[in-house]
Amino acid sequence: GWYRQAPGKERELVASITRDGATNSAVSVKGRF
């Protein structure tokens, strides 16, 4: 997975992927990443 952390904020999940290719992404990046 990919996570991100902005200054002063907690680290958050951006997107993840299983070994089989199933993906999940944050609402904030869905459709863009």
PDB file of all heavy atoms in Angstrom:
ATOM      1  N   GLY A   1       0.799  -1.207   0.000  1.00  0.00           N
ATOM      2  CA  GLY A   1       0.000   0.000   0.000  1.00  0.00           C
ATOM      3  C   GLY A   1       0.832   1.258   0.000  1.00  0.00           C
ATOM      4  O   GLY A   1       2.042   1.231   0.225  1.00  0.00           O
ATOM      5  N   TRP A   2       0.156   2.343  -0.294  1.00  0.00           N
ATOM      6  CA  TRP A   2       0.737   3.672  -0.222  1.00  0.00           C
ATOM      7  C   TRP A   2      -0.002   4.468   0.850  1.00  0.00           C
ATOM      8  O   TRP A   2      -1.236   4.473   0.891  1.00  0.00           O
ATOM      9  CB  TRP A   2       0.640   4.400  -1.560  1.00  0.00           C
ATOM     10  CG  TRP A   2       1.583   3.881  -2.596  1.00  0.00           C
ATOM     11  CD1 TRP A   2       1.322   2.970  -3.559  1.00  0.00           C
ATOM     12  CD2 TRP A   2       2.944   4.267  -2.755  1.00  0.00           C
ATOM     13  NE1 TRP A   2       2.435   2.750  -4.319  1.00  0.00           N
ATOM     14  CE2 TRP A   2       3.456   3.528  -3.855  1.00  0.00           C
ATOM     15  CE3 TRP A   2       3.795   5.148  -2.099  1.00  0.00           C
ATOM     16  CZ2 TRP A   2       4.770   3.656  -4.297  1.00  0.00           C
ATOM     17  CZ3 TRP A   2       5.100   5.279  -2.531  1.00  0.00           C
ATOM     18  CH2 TRP A   2       5.577   4.536  -3.619  1.00  0.00           C
ATOM     19  N   TYR A   3       0.759   5.120   1.686  1.00  0.00           N
ATOM     20  CA  TYR A   3       0.231   5.994   2.717  1.00  0.00           C
ATOM     21  C   TYR A   3       0.853   7.370   2.544  1.00  0.00           C
ATOM     22  O   TYR A   3       1.888   7.524   1.894  1.00  0.00           O
ATOM     23  CB  TYR A   3       0.556   5.451   4.111  1.00  0.00           C
ATOM     24  CG  TYR A   3      -0.153   4.153   4.448  1.00  0.00           C
ATOM     25  CD1 TYR A   3       0.210   2.957   3.845  1.00  0.00           C
ATOM     26  CD2 TYR A   3      -1.189   4.133   5.390  1.00  0.00           C
ATOM     27  CE1 TYR A   3      -0.438   1.770   4.149  1.00  0.00           C
ATOM     28  CE2 TYR A   3      -1.835   2.950   5.708  1.00  0.00           C
ATOM     29  CZ  TYR A   3      -1.455   1.779   5.086  1.00  0.00           C
ATOM     30  OH  TYR A   3      -2.099   0.604   5.396  1.00  0.00           O
ATOM     31  N   ARG A   4       0.225   8.363   3.127  1.00  0.00           N
ATOM     32  CA  ARG A   4       0.800   9.698   3.064  1.00  0.00           C
ATOM     33  C   ARG A   4       0.593  10.423   4.385  1.00  0.00           C
ATOM     34  O   ARG A   4      -0.332  10.136   5.132  1.00  0.00           O
ATOM     35  CB  ARG A   4       0.202  10.512   1.916  1.00  0.00           C
ATOM     36  CG  ARG A   4      -1.272  10.860   2.077  1.00  0.00           C
ATOM     37  CD  ARG A   4      -1.791  11.542   0.827  1.00  0.00           C
ATOM     38  NE  ARG A   4      -3.185  11.929   0.945  1.00  0.00           N
ATOM     39  CZ  ARG A   4      -3.912  12.412  -0.048  1.00  0.00           C
ATOM     40  NH1 ARG A   4      -3.363  12.575  -1.252  1.00  0.00           N
ATOM     41  NH2 ARG A   4      -5.183  12.744   0.147  1.00  0.00           N
ATOM     42  N   GLN A   5       1.469  11.360   4.638  1.00  0.00           N
ATOM     43  CA  GLN A   5       1.384  12.144   5.850  1.00  0.00           C
ATOM     44  C   GLN A   5       1.753  13.588   5.550  1.00  0.00           C
ATOM     45  O   GLN A   5       2.858  13.878   5.098  1.00  0.00           O
ATOM     46  CB  GLN A   5       2.310  11.587   6.930  1.00  0.00           C
ATOM     47  CG  GLN A   5       2.157  12.259   8.282  1.00  0.00           C
ATOM     48  CD  GLN A   5       2.872  11.513   9.389  1.00  0.00           C
ATOM     49  OE1 GLN A   5       3.823  10.768   9.149  1.00  0.00           O
ATOM     50  NE2 GLN A   5       2.401  11.690  10.610  1.00  0.00           N
ATOM     51  N   ALA A   6       0.799  14.461   5.780  1.00  0.00           N
ATOM     52  CA  ALA A   6       1.018  15.884   5.613  1.00  0.00           C
ATOM     53  C   ALA A   6       1.469  16.470   6.948  1.00  0.00           C
ATOM     54  O   ALA A   6       1.194  15.905   8.005  1.00  0.00           O
ATOM     55  CB  ALA A   6      -0.259  16.566   5.131  1.00  0.00           C
ATOM     56  N   PRO A   7       2.152  17.616   6.929  1.00  0.00           N
ATOM     57  CA  PRO A   7       2.605  18.240   8.169  1.00  0.00           C
ATOM     58  C   PRO A   7       1.455  18.470   9.145  1.00  0.00           C
ATOM     59  O   PRO A   7       0.417  19.014   8.772  1.00  0.00           O
ATOM     60  CB  PRO A   7       3.200  19.567   7.699  1.00  0.00           C
ATOM     61  CG  PRO A   7       3.650  19.296   6.298  1.00  0.00           C
ATOM     62  CD  PRO A   7       2.600  18.376   5.743  1.00  0.00           C
ATOM     63  N   GLY A   8       1.638  18.029  10.377  1.00  0.00           N
ATOM     64  CA  GLY A   8       0.632  18.221  11.400  1.00  0.00           C
ATOM     65  C   GLY A   8      -0.539  17.271  11.335  1.00  0.00           C
ATOM     66  O   GLY A   8      -1.473  17.406  12.129  1.00  0.00           O
ATOM     67  N   LYS A   9      -0.510  16.329  10.418  1.00  0.00           N
ATOM     68  CA  LYS A   9      -1.603  15.383  10.278  1.00  0.00           C
ATOM     69  C   LYS A   9      -1.117  13.949  10.458  1.00  0.00           C
ATOM     70  O   LYS A   9       0.070  13.665  10.369  1.00  0.00           O
ATOM     71  CB  LYS A   9      -2.281  15.534   8.917  1.00  0.00           C
ATOM     72  CG  LYS A   9      -2.986  16.868   8.718  1.00  0.00           C
ATOM     73  CD  LYS A   9      -3.775  16.879   7.426  1.00  0.00           C
ATOM     74  CE  LYS A   9      -4.552  18.165   7.266  1.00  0.00           C
ATOM     75  NZ  LYS A   9      -5.357  18.166   6.018  1.00  0.00           N
ATOM     76  N   GLU A  10      -2.069  13.072  10.726  1.00  0.00           N
ATOM     77  CA  GLU A  10      -1.748  11.669  10.885  1.00  0.00           C
ATOM     78  C   GLU A  10      -1.522  11.011   9.533  1.00  0.00           C
ATOM     79  O   GLU A  10      -2.039  11.464   8.507  1.00  0.00           O
ATOM     80  CB  GLU A  10      -2.872  10.940  11.628  1.00  0.00           C
ATOM     81  CG  GLU A  10      -3.069  11.390  13.062  1.00  0.00           C
ATOM     82  CD  GLU A  10      -4.131  10.583  13.774  1.00  0.00           C
ATOM     83  OE1 GLU A  10      -4.864   9.832  13.099  1.00  0.00           O
ATOM     84  OE2 GLU A  10      -4.222  10.699  15.003  1.00  0.00           O
ATOM     85  N   ARG A  11      -0.757   9.951   9.548  1.00  0.00           N
ATOM     86  CA  ARG A  11      -0.549   9.191   8.335  1.00  0.00           C
ATOM     87  C   ARG A  11      -1.852   8.505   7.939  1.00  0.00           C
ATOM     88  O   ARG A  11      -2.552   7.932   8.777  1.00  0.00           O
ATOM     89  CB  ARG A  11       0.557   8.162   8.547  1.00  0.00           C
ATOM     90  CG  ARG A  11       0.972   7.436   7.288  1.00  0.00           C
ATOM     91  CD  ARG A  11       2.199   6.564   7.529  1.00  0.00           C
ATOM     92  NE  ARG A  11       3.345   7.348   7.965  1.00  0.00           N
ATOM     93  CZ  ARG A  11       4.567   6.853   8.126  1.00  0.00           C
ATOM     94  NH1 ARG A  11       4.805   5.566   7.874  1.00  0.00           N
ATOM     95  NH2 ARG A  11       5.546   7.638   8.536  1.00  0.00           N
ATOM     96  N   GLU A  12      -2.178   8.567   6.657  1.00  0.00           N
ATOM     97  CA  GLU A  12      -3.424   8.000   6.186  1.00  0.00           C
ATOM     98  C   GLU A  12      -3.195   7.089   4.988  1.00  0.00           C
ATOM     99  O   GLU A  12      -2.248   7.265   4.222  1.00  0.00           O
ATOM    100  CB  GLU A  12      -4.414   9.106   5.797  1.00  0.00           C
ATOM    101  CG  GLU A  12      -3.955   9.962   4.629  1.00  0.00           C
ATOM    102  CD  GLU A  12      -4.988  10.976   4.181  1.00  0.00           C
ATOM    103  OE1 GLU A  12      -6.125  10.931   4.696  1.00  0.00           O
ATOM    104  OE2 GLU A  12      -4.662  11.820   3.315  1.00  0.00           O
ATOM    105  N   LEU A  13      -4.077   6.134   4.846  1.00  0.00           N
ATOM    106  CA  LEU A  13      -4.024   5.217   3.716  1.00  0.00           C
ATOM    107  C   LEU A  13      -4.436   5.949   2.451  1.00  0.00           C
ATOM    108  O   LEU A  13      -5.459   6.634   2.417  1.00  0.00           O
ATOM    109  CB  LEU A  13      -4.944   4.027   3.949  1.00  0.00           C
ATOM    110  CG  LEU A  13      -5.132   3.081   2.757  1.00  0.00           C
ATOM    111  CD1 LEU A  13      -3.844   2.322   2.470  1.00  0.00           C
ATOM    112  CD2 LEU A  13      -6.275   2.111   3.022  1.00  0.00           C
ATOM    113  N   VAL A  14      -3.665   5.781   1.405  1.00  0.00           N
ATOM    114  CA  VAL A  14      -3.999   6.318   0.098  1.00  0.00           C
ATOM    115  C   VAL A  14      -4.618   5.226  -0.763  1.00  0.00           C
ATOM    116  O   VAL A  14      -5.706   5.384  -1.316  1.00  0.00           O
ATOM    117  CB  VAL A  14      -2.768   6.911  -0.605  1.00  0.00           C
ATOM    118  CG1 VAL A  14      -3.128   7.397  -2.006  1.00  0.00           C
ATOM    119  CG2 VAL A  14      -2.183   8.052   0.219  1.00  0.00           C
ATOM    120  N   ALA A  15      -3.917   4.121  -0.883  1.00  0.00           N
ATOM    121  CA  ALA A  15      -4.406   3.002  -1.674  1.00  0.00           C
ATOM    122  C   ALA A  15      -3.661   1.747  -1.264  1.00  0.00           C
ATOM    123  O   ALA A  15      -2.521   1.804  -0.817  1.00  0.00           O
ATOM    124  CB  ALA A  15      -4.231   3.258  -3.174  1.00  0.00           C
ATOM    125  N   SER A  16      -4.317   0.618  -1.420  1.00  0.00           N
ATOM    126  CA  SER A  16      -3.697  -0.658  -1.107  1.00  0.00           C
ATOM    127  C   SER A  16      -4.036  -1.666  -2.192  1.00  0.00           C
ATOM    128  O   SER A  16      -5.005  -1.501  -2.936  1.00  0.00           O
ATOM    129  CB  SER A  16      -4.150  -1.179   0.263  1.00  0.00           C
ATOM    130  OG  SER A  16      -5.543  -1.423   0.279  1.00  0.00           O
ATOM    131  N   ILE A  17      -3.243  -2.715  -2.253  1.00  0.00           N
ATOM    132  CA  ILE A  17      -3.458  -3.739  -3.261  1.00  0.00           C
ATOM    133  C   ILE A  17      -3.002  -5.078  -2.712  1.00  0.00           C
ATOM    134  O   ILE A  17      -1.951  -5.192  -2.089  1.00  0.00           O
ATOM    135  CB  ILE A  17      -2.718  -3.384  -4.576  1.00  0.00           C
ATOM    136  CG1 ILE A  17      -3.016  -4.413  -5.664  1.00  0.00           C
ATOM    137  CG2 ILE A  17      -1.221  -3.237  -4.331  1.00  0.00           C
ATOM    138  CD1 ILE A  17      -2.552  -3.972  -7.043  1.00  0.00           C
ATOM    139  N   THR A  18      -3.815  -6.098  -2.923  1.00  0.00           N
ATOM    140  CA  THR A  18      -3.459  -7.435  -2.480  1.00  0.00           C
ATOM    141  C   THR A  18      -2.547  -8.100  -3.495  1.00  0.00           C
ATOM    142  O   THR A  18      -2.345  -7.598  -4.605  1.00  0.00           O
ATOM    143  CB  THR A  18      -4.707  -8.309  -2.274  1.00  0.00           C
ATOM    144  OG1 THR A  18      -5.287  -8.603  -3.557  1.00  0.00           O
ATOM    145  CG2 THR A  18      -5.732  -7.610  -1.401  1.00  0.00           C
ATOM    146  N   ARG A  19      -2.008  -9.241  -3.126  1.00  0.00           N
ATOM    147  CA  ARG A  19      -1.148  -9.966  -4.039  1.00  0.00           C
ATOM    148  C   ARG A  19      -1.909 -10.385  -5.294  1.00  0.00           C
ATOM    149  O   ARG A  19      -1.322 -10.487  -6.381  1.00  0.00           O
ATOM    150  CB  ARG A  19      -0.567 -11.195  -3.343  1.00  0.00           C
ATOM    151  CG  ARG A  19       0.414 -11.967  -4.198  1.00  0.00           C
ATOM    152  CD  ARG A  19       1.098 -13.075  -3.420  1.00  0.00           C
ATOM    153  NE  ARG A  19       2.002 -13.816  -4.284  1.00  0.00           N
ATOM    154  CZ  ARG A  19       3.242 -13.447  -4.569  1.00  0.00           C
ATOM    155  NH1 ARG A  19       3.733 -12.326  -4.044  1.00  0.00           N
ATOM    156  NH2 ARG A  19       4.001 -14.180  -5.370  1.00  0.00           N
ATOM    157  N   ASP A  20      -3.211 -10.620  -5.138  1.00  0.00           N
ATOM    158  CA  ASP A  20      -4.035 -11.021  -6.265  1.00  0.00           C
ATOM    159  C   ASP A  20      -4.521  -9.843  -7.104  1.00  0.00           C
ATOM    160  O   ASP A  20      -5.177 -10.043  -8.124  1.00  0.00           O
ATOM    161  CB  ASP A  20      -5.241 -11.824  -5.772  1.00  0.00           C
ATOM    162  CG  ASP A  20      -4.848 -13.138  -5.147  1.00  0.00           C
ATOM    163  OD1 ASP A  20      -3.806 -13.699  -5.550  1.00  0.00           O
ATOM    164  OD2 ASP A  20      -5.575 -13.613  -4.249  1.00  0.00           O
ATOM    165  N   GLY A  21      -4.239  -8.623  -6.666  1.00  0.00           N
ATOM    166  CA  GLY A  21      -4.580  -7.461  -7.456  1.00  0.00           C
ATOM    167  C   GLY A  21      -5.824  -6.712  -7.035  1.00  0.00           C
ATOM    168  O   GLY A  21      -6.210  -5.742  -7.710  1.00  0.00           O
ATOM    169  N   ALA A  22      -6.471  -7.115  -5.962  1.00  0.00           N
ATOM    170  CA  ALA A  22      -7.630  -6.380  -5.471  1.00  0.00           C
ATOM    171  C   ALA A  22      -7.173  -5.065  -4.855  1.00  0.00           C
ATOM    172  O   ALA A  22      -6.226  -5.039  -4.076  1.00  0.00           O
ATOM    173  CB  ALA A  22      -8.393  -7.209  -4.451  1.00  0.00           C
ATOM    174  N   THR A  23      -7.857  -3.983  -5.206  1.00  0.00           N
ATOM    175  CA  THR A  23      -7.426  -2.663  -4.761  1.00  0.00           C
ATOM    176  C   THR A  23      -8.454  -1.978  -3.886  1.00  0.00           C
ATOM    177  O   THR A  23      -9.650  -2.280  -3.938  1.00  0.00           O
ATOM    178  CB  THR A  23      -7.118  -1.756  -5.959  1.00  0.00           C
ATOM    179  OG1 THR A  23      -8.306  -1.584  -6.744  1.00  0.00           O
ATOM    180  CG2 THR A  23      -6.036  -2.363  -6.826  1.00  0.00           C
ATOM    181  N   ASN A  24      -7.967  -1.053  -3.105  1.00  0.00           N
ATOM    182  CA  ASN A  24      -8.797  -0.204  -2.274  1.00  0.00           C
ATOM    183  C   ASN A  24      -8.121   1.155  -2.208  1.00  0.00           C
ATOM    184  O   ASN A  24      -6.896   1.235  -2.155  1.00  0.00           O
ATOM    185  CB  ASN A  24      -8.956  -0.791  -0.873  1.00  0.00           C
ATOM    186  CG  ASN A  24      -9.908   0.018  -0.015  1.00  0.00           C
ATOM    187  OD1 ASN A  24     -11.003   0.361  -0.437  1.00  0.00           O
ATOM    188  ND2 ASN A  24      -9.488   0.323   1.212  1.00  0.00           N
ATOM    189  N   SER A  25      -8.902   2.199  -2.218  1.00  0.00           N
ATOM    190  CA  SER A  25      -8.327   3.530  -2.176  1.00  0.00           C
ATOM    191  C   SER A  25      -9.168   4.457  -1.332  1.00  0.00           C
ATOM    192  O   SER A  25     -10.362   4.232  -1.132  1.00  0.00           O
ATOM    193  CB  SER A  25      -8.171   4.105  -3.591  1.00  0.00           C
ATOM    194  OG  SER A  25      -9.422   4.227  -4.234  1.00  0.00           O
ATOM    195  N   ALA A  26      -8.541   5.500  -0.849  1.00  0.00           N
ATOM    196  CA  ALA A  26      -9.243   6.503  -0.080  1.00  0.00           C
ATOM    197  C   ALA A  26     -10.219   7.260  -0.973  1.00  0.00           C
ATOM    198  O   ALA A  26      -9.978   7.445  -2.167  1.00  0.00           O
ATOM    199  CB  ALA A  26      -8.253   7.475   0.553  1.00  0.00           C
ATOM    200  N   VAL A  27     -11.315   7.692  -0.382  1.00  0.00           N
ATOM    201  CA  VAL A  27     -12.316   8.436  -1.132  1.00  0.00           C
ATOM    202  C   VAL A  27     -11.713   9.684  -1.767  1.00  0.00           C
ATOM    203  O   VAL A  27     -12.061  10.053  -2.894  1.00  0.00           O
ATOM    204  CB  VAL A  27     -13.501   8.813  -0.223  1.00  0.00           C
ATOM    205  CG1 VAL A  27     -14.471   9.736  -0.955  1.00  0.00           C
ATOM    206  CG2 VAL A  27     -14.213   7.564   0.255  1.00  0.00           C
ATOM    207  N   SER A  28     -10.799  10.315  -1.066  1.00  0.00           N
ATOM    208  CA  SER A  28     -10.211  11.555  -1.534  1.00  0.00           C
ATOM    209  C   SER A  28      -9.385  11.402  -2.810  1.00  0.00           C
ATOM    210  O   SER A  28      -9.145  12.391  -3.506  1.00  0.00           O
ATOM    211  CB  SER A  28      -9.343  12.178  -0.437  1.00  0.00           C
ATOM    212  OG  SER A  28      -8.293  11.307  -0.066  1.00  0.00           O
ATOM    213  N   VAL A  29      -8.954  10.192  -3.120  1.00  0.00           N
ATOM    214  CA  VAL A  29      -8.126   9.984  -4.304  1.00  0.00           C
ATOM    215  C   VAL A  29      -8.786   9.070  -5.322  1.00  0.00           C
ATOM    216  O   VAL A  29      -8.235   8.869  -6.415  1.00  0.00           O
ATOM    217  CB  VAL A  29      -6.742   9.410  -3.936  1.00  0.00           C
ATOM    218  CG1 VAL A  29      -6.064  10.279  -2.892  1.00  0.00           C
ATOM    219  CG2 VAL A  29      -6.852   7.969  -3.451  1.00  0.00           C
ATOM    220  N   LYS A  30      -9.944   8.548  -5.000  1.00  0.00           N
ATOM    221  CA  LYS A  30     -10.624   7.626  -5.893  1.00  0.00           C
ATOM    222  C   LYS A  30     -10.906   8.296  -7.231  1.00  0.00           C
ATOM    223  O   LYS A  30     -11.440   9.397  -7.308  1.00  0.00           O
ATOM    224  CB  LYS A  30     -11.919   7.126  -5.259  1.00  0.00           C
ATOM    225  CG  LYS A  30     -12.492   5.884  -5.909  1.00  0.00           C
ATOM    226  CD  LYS A  30     -13.727   5.390  -5.155  1.00  0.00           C
ATOM    227  CE  LYS A  30     -13.365   4.930  -3.753  1.00  0.00           C
ATOM    228  NZ  LYS A  30     -12.520   3.712  -3.763  1.00  0.00           N
ATOM    229  N   GLY A  31     -10.541   7.593  -8.288  1.00  0.00           N
ATOM    230  CA  GLY A  31     -10.731   8.125  -9.620  1.00  0.00           C
ATOM    231  C   GLY A  31      -9.565   8.940 -10.122  1.00  0.00           C
ATOM    232  O   GLY A  31      -9.476   9.214 -11.320  1.00  0.00           O
ATOM    233  N   ARG A  32      -8.672   9.337  -9.226  1.00  0.00           N
ATOM    234  CA  ARG A  32      -7.510  10.129  -9.615  1.00  0.00           C
ATOM    235  C   ARG A  32      -6.210   9.344  -9.513  1.00  0.00           C
ATOM    236  O   ARG A  32      -5.294   9.544 -10.309  1.00  0.00           O
ATOM    237  CB  ARG A  32      -7.405  11.383  -8.741  1.00  0.00           C
ATOM    238  CG  ARG A  32      -8.593  12.321  -8.851  1.00  0.00           C
ATOM    239  CD  ARG A  32      -8.330  13.646  -8.152  1.00  0.00           C
ATOM    240  NE  ARG A  32      -8.101  13.481  -6.717  1.00  0.00           N
ATOM    241  CZ  ARG A  32      -6.972  13.824  -6.101  1.00  0.00           C
ATOM    242  NH1 ARG A  32      -5.971  14.363  -6.785  1.00  0.00           N
ATOM    243  NH2 ARG A  32      -6.848  13.654  -4.791  1.00  0.00           N
ATOM    244  N   PHE A  33      -6.127   8.481  -8.526  1.00  0.00           N
ATOM    245  CA  PHE A  33      -4.929   7.685  -8.310  1.00  0.00           C
ATOM    246  C   PHE A  33      -5.199   6.235  -8.671  1.00  0.00           C
ATOM    247  O   PHE A  33      -6.317   5.737  -8.506  1.00  0.00           O
ATOM    248  CB  PHE A  33      -4.480   7.726  -6.847  1.00  0.00           C
ATOM    249  CG  PHE A  33      -3.999   9.059  -6.364  1.00  0.00           C
ATOM    250  CD1 PHE A  33      -4.110  10.201  -7.144  1.00  0.00           C
ATOM    251  CD2 PHE A  33      -3.423   9.169  -5.110  1.00  0.00           C
ATOM    252  CE1 PHE A  33      -3.668  11.430  -6.690  1.00  0.00           C
ATOM    253  CE2 PHE A  33      -2.975  10.391  -4.643  1.00  0.00           C
ATOM    254  CZ  PHE A  33      -3.100  11.518  -5.432  1.00  0.00           C
TER     255      PHE A  33
END
